[in-house]
Amino acid sequence: MNSAAALFPKFLVLCSVILILTGVAQYFVRPKKPKETLPEKLVNRATITALVSIAIGVAGLLVGLGVIPMPRFG
């Protein structure tokens, strides 16, 4: 096996964990308005960005751990 191919899953797990932690931190430190309603909390640029970061991080983590097979192109 190529040394780069052996290192890639570890790299993917590390980057995914960082992406998940960044998304969670962004959700908690986002600016909040006083008396913010639930729709305002959910439809907020910072919240949407945090949720996308967490979703991509979880998907990358599953690929890195081998739960989802790595795609092969070509």
PDB file of N, CA and C in Angstrom:
ATOM      1  N   MET A   1       0.840  -1.173   0.000  1.00  0.00           N
ATOM      2  CA  MET A   1       0.000   0.000   0.000  1.00  0.00           C
ATOM      3  C   MET A   1       0.886   1.237   0.000  1.00  0.00           C
ATOM      4  N   ASN A   2       0.448   2.228  -0.720  1.00  0.00           N
ATOM      5  CA  ASN A   2       1.143   3.498  -0.790  1.00  0.00           C
ATOM      6  C   ASN A   2       1.138   4.154   0.597  1.00  0.00           C
ATOM      7  N   SER A   3       2.225   4.793   0.978  1.00  0.00           N
ATOM      8  CA  SER A   3       2.291   5.407   2.310  1.00  0.00           C
ATOM      9  C   SER A   3       1.283   6.555   2.450  1.00  0.00           C
ATOM     10  N   ALA A   4       1.025   7.257   1.362  1.00  0.00           N
ATOM     11  CA  ALA A   4       0.029   8.324   1.413  1.00  0.00           C
ATOM     12  C   ALA A   4      -1.368   7.745   1.601  1.00  0.00           C
ATOM     13  N   ALA A   5      -1.635   6.606   0.983  1.00  0.00           N
ATOM     14  CA  ALA A   5      -2.947   5.963   1.119  1.00  0.00           C
ATOM     15  C   ALA A   5      -3.148   5.423   2.531  1.00  0.00           C
ATOM     16  N   ALA A   6      -2.070   5.018   3.182  1.00  0.00           N
ATOM     17  CA  ALA A   6      -2.180   4.528   4.550  1.00  0.00           C
ATOM     18  C   ALA A   6      -2.392   5.666   5.539  1.00  0.00           C
ATOM     19  N   LEU A   7      -1.885   6.827   5.236  1.00  0.00           N
ATOM     20  CA  LEU A   7      -1.996   7.977   6.121  1.00  0.00           C
ATOM     21  C   LEU A   7      -3.325   8.720   5.955  1.00  0.00           C
ATOM     22  N   PHE A   8      -3.967   8.585   4.805  1.00  0.00           N
ATOM     23  CA  PHE A   8      -5.157   9.369   4.506  1.00  0.00           C
ATOM     24  C   PHE A   8      -6.304   9.162   5.492  1.00  0.00           C
ATOM     25  N   PRO A   9      -6.646   7.925   5.911  1.00  0.00           N
ATOM     26  CA  PRO A   9      -7.743   7.789   6.885  1.00  0.00           C
ATOM     27  C   PRO A   9      -7.462   8.487   8.214  1.00  0.00           C
ATOM     28  N   LYS A  10      -6.232   8.447   8.685  1.00  0.00           N
ATOM     29  CA  LYS A  10      -5.873   9.134   9.927  1.00  0.00           C
ATOM     30  C   LYS A  10      -6.007  10.650   9.759  1.00  0.00           C
ATOM     31  N   PHE A  11      -5.565  11.134   8.614  1.00  0.00           N
ATOM     32  CA  PHE A  11      -5.682  12.556   8.311  1.00  0.00           C
ATOM     33  C   PHE A  11      -7.157  12.964   8.247  1.00  0.00           C
ATOM     34  N   LEU A  12      -7.977  12.115   7.640  1.00  0.00           N
ATOM     35  CA  LEU A  12      -9.400  12.398   7.520  1.00  0.00           C
ATOM     36  C   LEU A  12     -10.082  12.422   8.888  1.00  0.00           C
ATOM     37  N   VAL A  13      -9.713  11.504   9.763  1.00  0.00           N
ATOM     38  CA  VAL A  13     -10.280  11.485  11.118  1.00  0.00           C
ATOM     39  C   VAL A  13      -9.869  12.737  11.881  1.00  0.00           C
ATOM     40  N   LEU A  14      -8.628  13.112  11.807  1.00  0.00           N
ATOM     41  CA  LEU A  14      -8.146  14.304  12.513  1.00  0.00           C
ATOM     42  C   LEU A  14      -8.850  15.563  12.014  1.00  0.00           C
ATOM     43  N   CYS A  15      -8.922  15.725  10.706  1.00  0.00           N
ATOM     44  CA  CYS A  15      -9.576  16.915  10.143  1.00  0.00           C
ATOM     45  C   CYS A  15     -11.066  16.932  10.473  1.00  0.00           C
ATOM     46  N   SER A  16     -11.706  15.771  10.485  1.00  0.00           N
ATOM     47  CA  SER A  16     -13.132  15.697  10.786  1.00  0.00           C
ATOM     48  C   SER A  16     -13.411  16.055  12.240  1.00  0.00           C
ATOM     49  N   VAL A  17     -12.568  15.597  13.142  1.00  0.00           N
ATOM     50  CA  VAL A  17     -12.743  15.942  14.559  1.00  0.00           C
ATOM     51  C   VAL A  17     -12.578  17.446  14.756  1.00  0.00           C
ATOM     52  N   ILE A  18     -11.600  18.035  14.090  1.00  0.00           N
ATOM     53  CA  ILE A  18     -11.411  19.481  14.181  1.00  0.00           C
ATOM     54  C   ILE A  18     -12.622  20.213  13.617  1.00  0.00           C
ATOM     55  N   LEU A  19     -13.172  19.723  12.512  1.00  0.00           N
ATOM     56  CA  LEU A  19     -14.338  20.358  11.902  1.00  0.00           C
ATOM     57  C   LEU A  19     -15.565  20.249  12.803  1.00  0.00           C
ATOM     58  N   ILE A  20     -15.757  19.115  13.454  1.00  0.00           N
ATOM     59  CA  ILE A  20     -16.879  18.941  14.380  1.00  0.00           C
ATOM     60  C   ILE A  20     -16.726  19.879  15.581  1.00  0.00           C
ATOM     61  N   LEU A  21     -15.544  19.937  16.158  1.00  0.00           N
ATOM     62  CA  LEU A  21     -15.312  20.821  17.306  1.00  0.00           C
ATOM     63  C   LEU A  21     -15.498  22.284  16.929  1.00  0.00           C
ATOM     64  N   THR A  22     -15.072  22.655  15.730  1.00  0.00           N
ATOM     65  CA  THR A  22     -15.254  24.031  15.269  1.00  0.00           C
ATOM     66  C   THR A  22     -16.731  24.357  15.093  1.00  0.00           C
ATOM     67  N   GLY A  23     -17.506  23.423  14.535  1.00  0.00           N
ATOM     68  CA  GLY A  23     -18.940  23.640  14.360  1.00  0.00           C
ATOM     69  C   GLY A  23     -19.665  23.778  15.680  1.00  0.00           C
ATOM     70  N   VAL A  24     -19.327  22.933  16.644  1.00  0.00           N
ATOM     71  CA  VAL A  24     -19.950  23.019  17.969  1.00  0.00           C
ATOM     72  C   VAL A  24     -19.579  24.330  18.648  1.00  0.00           C
ATOM     73  N   ALA A  25     -18.325  24.709  18.578  1.00  0.00           N
ATOM     74  CA  ALA A  25     -17.895  25.969  19.188  1.00  0.00           C
ATOM     75  C   ALA A  25     -18.560  27.160  18.520  1.00  0.00           C
ATOM     76  N   GLN A  26     -18.697  27.108  17.206  1.00  0.00           N
ATOM     77  CA  GLN A  26     -19.334  28.217  16.498  1.00  0.00           C
ATOM     78  C   GLN A  26     -20.799  28.350  16.896  1.00  0.00           C
ATOM     79  N   TYR A  27     -21.468  27.240  17.125  1.00  0.00           N
ATOM     80  CA  TYR A  27     -22.864  27.298  17.539  1.00  0.00           C
ATOM     81  C   TYR A  27     -22.996  27.979  18.902  1.00  0.00           C
ATOM     82  N   PHE A  28     -22.087  27.678  19.823  1.00  0.00           N
ATOM     83  CA  PHE A  28     -22.206  28.216  21.168  1.00  0.00           C
ATOM     84  C   PHE A  28     -21.721  29.659  21.306  1.00  0.00           C
ATOM     85  N   VAL A  29     -20.828  30.109  20.444  1.00  0.00           N
ATOM     86  CA  VAL A  29     -20.305  31.465  20.585  1.00  0.00           C
ATOM     87  C   VAL A  29     -20.914  32.439  19.581  1.00  0.00           C
ATOM     88  N   ARG A  30     -21.907  32.001  18.834  1.00  0.00           N
ATOM     89  CA  ARG A  30     -22.518  32.890  17.835  1.00  0.00           C
ATOM     90  C   ARG A  30     -23.218  34.050  18.528  1.00  0.00           C
ATOM     91  N   PRO A  31     -23.281  35.200  17.864  1.00  0.00           N
ATOM     92  CA  PRO A  31     -23.965  36.353  18.474  1.00  0.00           C
ATOM     93  C   PRO A  31     -25.471  36.105  18.553  1.00  0.00           C
ATOM     94  N   LYS A  32     -26.038  36.413  19.692  1.00  0.00           N
ATOM     95  CA  LYS A  32     -27.463  36.196  19.911  1.00  0.00           C
ATOM     96  C   LYS A  32     -28.141  37.526  20.194  1.00  0.00           C
ATOM     97  N   LYS A  33     -29.346  37.666  19.632  1.00  0.00           N
ATOM     98  CA  LYS A  33     -30.147  38.852  19.934  1.00  0.00           C
ATOM     99  C   LYS A  33     -30.931  38.589  21.209  1.00  0.00           C
ATOM    100  N   PRO A  34     -31.268  39.623  21.937  1.00  0.00           N
ATOM    101  CA  PRO A  34     -32.127  39.413  23.104  1.00  0.00           C
ATOM    102  C   PRO A  34     -33.513  38.958  22.666  1.00  0.00           C
ATOM    103  N   LYS A  35     -34.083  38.031  23.422  1.00  0.00           N
ATOM    104  CA  LYS A  35     -35.423  37.479  23.150  1.00  0.00           C
ATOM    105  C   LYS A  35     -35.524  36.909  21.739  1.00  0.00           C
ATOM    106  N   GLU A  36     -34.566  36.090  21.382  1.00  0.00           N
ATOM    107  CA  GLU A  36     -34.528  35.464  20.067  1.00  0.00           C
ATOM    108  C   GLU A  36     -35.520  34.303  20.026  1.00  0.00           C
ATOM    109  N   THR A  37     -36.340  34.236  18.994  1.00  0.00           N
ATOM    110  CA  THR A  37     -37.307  33.152  18.871  1.00  0.00           C
ATOM    111  C   THR A  37     -36.637  31.917  18.273  1.00  0.00           C
ATOM    112  N   LEU A  38     -37.338  30.769  18.332  1.00  0.00           N
ATOM    113  CA  LEU A  38     -36.772  29.524  17.810  1.00  0.00           C
ATOM    114  C   LEU A  38     -36.479  29.602  16.311  1.00  0.00           C
ATOM    115  N   PRO A  39     -37.400  30.129  15.476  1.00  0.00           N
ATOM    116  CA  PRO A  39     -37.042  30.244  14.051  1.00  0.00           C
ATOM    117  C   PRO A  39     -35.836  31.152  13.808  1.00  0.00           C
ATOM    118  N   GLU A  40     -35.701  32.204  14.595  1.00  0.00           N
ATOM    119  CA  GLU A  40     -34.528  33.069  14.443  1.00  0.00           C
ATOM    120  C   GLU A  40     -33.249  32.350  14.852  1.00  0.00           C
ATOM    121  N   LYS A  41     -33.340  31.450  15.812  1.00  0.00           N
ATOM    122  CA  LYS A  41     -32.161  30.679  16.215  1.00  0.00           C
ATOM    123  C   LYS A  41     -31.749  29.698  15.131  1.00  0.00           C
ATOM    124  N   LEU A  42     -32.753  29.069  14.485  1.00  0.00           N
ATOM    125  CA  LEU A  42     -32.446  28.042  13.496  1.00  0.00           C
ATOM    126  C   LEU A  42     -32.062  28.626  12.138  1.00  0.00           C
ATOM    127  N   VAL A  43     -32.717  29.702  11.726  1.00  0.00           N
ATOM    128  CA  VAL A  43     -32.426  30.315  10.434  1.00  0.00           C
ATOM    129  C   VAL A  43     -31.497  31.501  10.679  1.00  0.00           C
ATOM    130  N   ASN A  44     -30.275  31.160  10.996  1.00  0.00           N
ATOM    131  CA  ASN A  44     -29.242  32.138  11.284  1.00  0.00           C
ATOM    132  C   ASN A  44     -28.001  31.676  10.534  1.00  0.00           C
ATOM    133  N   ARG A  45     -27.275  32.592   9.943  1.00  0.00           N
ATOM    134  CA  ARG A  45     -26.118  32.203   9.140  1.00  0.00           C
ATOM    135  C   ARG A  45     -25.098  31.413   9.956  1.00  0.00           C
ATOM    136  N   ALA A  46     -24.861  31.820  11.180  1.00  0.00           N
ATOM    137  CA  ALA A  46     -23.885  31.126  12.019  1.00  0.00           C
ATOM    138  C   ALA A  46     -24.365  29.721  12.376  1.00  0.00           C
ATOM    139  N   THR A  47     -25.675  29.570  12.642  1.00  0.00           N
ATOM    140  CA  THR A  47     -26.215  28.260  12.982  1.00  0.00           C
ATOM    141  C   THR A  47     -26.164  27.323  11.785  1.00  0.00           C
ATOM    142  N   ILE A  48     -26.525  27.821  10.618  1.00  0.00           N
ATOM    143  CA  ILE A  48     -26.502  26.986   9.414  1.00  0.00           C
ATOM    144  C   ILE A  48     -25.071  26.564   9.090  1.00  0.00           C
ATOM    145  N   THR A  49     -24.133  27.482   9.207  1.00  0.00           N
ATOM    146  CA  THR A  49     -22.728  27.154   8.962  1.00  0.00           C
ATOM    147  C   THR A  49     -22.227  26.117   9.965  1.00  0.00           C
ATOM    148  N   ALA A  50     -22.619  26.252  11.230  1.00  0.00           N
ATOM    149  CA  ALA A  50     -22.210  25.282  12.250  1.00  0.00           C
ATOM    150  C   ALA A  50     -22.791  23.909  11.953  1.00  0.00           C
ATOM    151  N   LEU A  51     -24.055  23.850  11.555  1.00  0.00           N
ATOM    152  CA  LEU A  51     -24.678  22.558  11.250  1.00  0.00           C
ATOM    153  C   LEU A  51     -24.058  21.898  10.017  1.00  0.00           C
ATOM    154  N   VAL A  52     -23.716  22.694   9.012  1.00  0.00           N
ATOM    155  CA  VAL A  52     -23.046  22.143   7.826  1.00  0.00           C
ATOM    156  C   VAL A  52     -21.655  21.631   8.202  1.00  0.00           C
ATOM    157  N   SER A  53     -20.934  22.359   9.030  1.00  0.00           N
ATOM    158  CA  SER A  53     -19.605  21.914   9.470  1.00  0.00           C
ATOM    159  C   SER A  53     -19.687  20.609  10.238  1.00  0.00           C
ATOM    160  N   ILE A  54     -20.676  20.499  11.116  1.00  0.00           N
ATOM    161  CA  ILE A  54     -20.836  19.272  11.900  1.00  0.00           C
ATOM    162  C   ILE A  54     -21.218  18.103  10.992  1.00  0.00           C
ATOM    163  N   ALA A  55     -22.126  18.342  10.032  1.00  0.00           N
ATOM    164  CA  ALA A  55     -22.553  17.266   9.132  1.00  0.00           C
ATOM    165  C   ALA A  55     -21.402  16.759   8.260  1.00  0.00           C
ATOM    166  N   ILE A  56     -20.622  17.672   7.706  1.00  0.00           N
ATOM    167  CA  ILE A  56     -19.482  17.264   6.882  1.00  0.00           C
ATOM    168  C   ILE A  56     -18.415  16.584   7.745  1.00  0.00           C
ATOM    169  N   GLY A  57     -18.233  17.081   8.961  1.00  0.00           N
ATOM    170  CA  GLY A  57     -17.267  16.453   9.872  1.00  0.00           C
ATOM    171  C   GLY A  57     -17.666  15.045  10.249  1.00  0.00           C
ATOM    172  N   VAL A  58     -18.947  14.826  10.515  1.00  0.00           N
ATOM    173  CA  VAL A  58     -19.415  13.470  10.860  1.00  0.00           C
ATOM    174  C   VAL A  58     -19.256  12.544   9.658  1.00  0.00           C
ATOM    175  N   ALA A  59     -19.596  13.026   8.457  1.00  0.00           N
ATOM    176  CA  ALA A  59     -19.438  12.201   7.257  1.00  0.00           C
ATOM    177  C   ALA A  59     -17.963  11.846   7.032  1.00  0.00           C
ATOM    178  N   GLY A  60     -17.086  12.825   7.184  1.00  0.00           N
ATOM    179  CA  GLY A  60     -15.655  12.546   7.037  1.00  0.00           C
ATOM    180  C   GLY A  60     -15.127  11.605   8.095  1.00  0.00           C
ATOM    181  N   LEU A  61     -15.645  11.722   9.294  1.00  0.00           N
ATOM    182  CA  LEU A  61     -15.237  10.818  10.373  1.00  0.00           C
ATOM    183  C   LEU A  61     -15.658   9.384  10.074  1.00  0.00           C
ATOM    184  N   LEU A  62     -16.875   9.227   9.564  1.00  0.00           N
ATOM    185  CA  LEU A  62     -17.344   7.881   9.217  1.00  0.00           C
ATOM    186  C   LEU A  62     -16.531   7.277   8.073  1.00  0.00           C
ATOM    187  N   VAL A  63     -16.141   8.093   7.110  1.00  0.00           N
ATOM    188  CA  VAL A  63     -15.295   7.601   6.021  1.00  0.00           C
ATOM    189  C   VAL A  63     -13.904   7.259   6.552  1.00  0.00           C
ATOM    190  N   GLY A  64     -13.362   8.102   7.388  1.00  0.00           N
ATOM    191  CA  GLY A  64     -12.024   7.860   7.940  1.00  0.00           C
ATOM    192  C   GLY A  64     -11.953   6.633   8.824  1.00  0.00           C
ATOM    193  N   LEU A  65     -13.045   6.343   9.548  1.00  0.00           N
ATOM    194  CA  LEU A  65     -13.070   5.161  10.410  1.00  0.00           C
ATOM    195  C   LEU A  65     -13.428   3.882   9.653  1.00  0.00           C
ATOM    196  N   GLY A  66     -13.843   4.021   8.398  1.00  0.00           N
ATOM    197  CA  GLY A  66     -14.152   2.859   7.593  1.00  0.00           C
ATOM    198  C   GLY A  66     -15.595   2.401   7.664  1.00  0.00           C
ATOM    199  N   VAL A  67     -16.453   3.156   8.326  1.00  0.00           N
ATOM    200  CA  VAL A  67     -17.869   2.795   8.414  1.00  0.00           C
ATOM    201  C   VAL A  67     -18.515   2.962   7.039  1.00  0.00           C
ATOM    202  N   ILE A  68     -18.193   4.064   6.364  1.00  0.00           N
ATOM    203  CA  ILE A  68     -18.633   4.300   4.993  1.00  0.00           C
ATOM    204  C   ILE A  68     -17.425   4.048   4.107  1.00  0.00           C
ATOM    205  N   PRO A  69     -17.583   3.229   3.052  1.00  0.00           N
ATOM    206  CA  PRO A  69     -16.408   2.937   2.211  1.00  0.00           C
ATOM    207  C   PRO A  69     -15.918   4.176   1.482  1.00  0.00           C
ATOM    208  N   MET A  70     -14.595   4.225   1.313  1.00  0.00           N
ATOM    209  CA  MET A  70     -13.963   5.338   0.617  1.00  0.00           C
ATOM    210  C   MET A  70     -14.335   5.270  -0.854  1.00  0.00           C
ATOM    211  N   PRO A  71     -14.781   6.389  -1.434  1.00  0.00           N
ATOM    212  CA  PRO A  71     -15.145   6.344  -2.867  1.00  0.00           C
ATOM    213  C   PRO A  71     -13.910   6.161  -3.741  1.00  0.00           C
ATOM    214  N   ARG A  72     -14.084   5.419  -4.797  1.00  0.00           N
ATOM    215  CA  ARG A  72     -12.990   5.191  -5.753  1.00  0.00           C
ATOM    216  C   ARG A  72     -13.414   5.770  -7.097  1.00  0.00           C
ATOM    217  N   PHE A  73     -12.647   6.694  -7.579  1.00  0.00           N
ATOM    218  CA  PHE A  73     -12.928   7.339  -8.841  1.00  0.00           C
ATOM    219  C   PHE A  73     -11.933   6.848  -9.881  1.00  0.00           C
ATOM    220  N   GLY A  74     -12.443   6.239 -10.925  1.00  0.00           N
ATOM    221  CA  GLY A  74     -11.586   5.824 -12.043  1.00  0.00           C
ATOM    222  C   GLY A  74     -11.017   4.495 -11.966  1.00  0.00           C
TER     223      GLY A  74
END
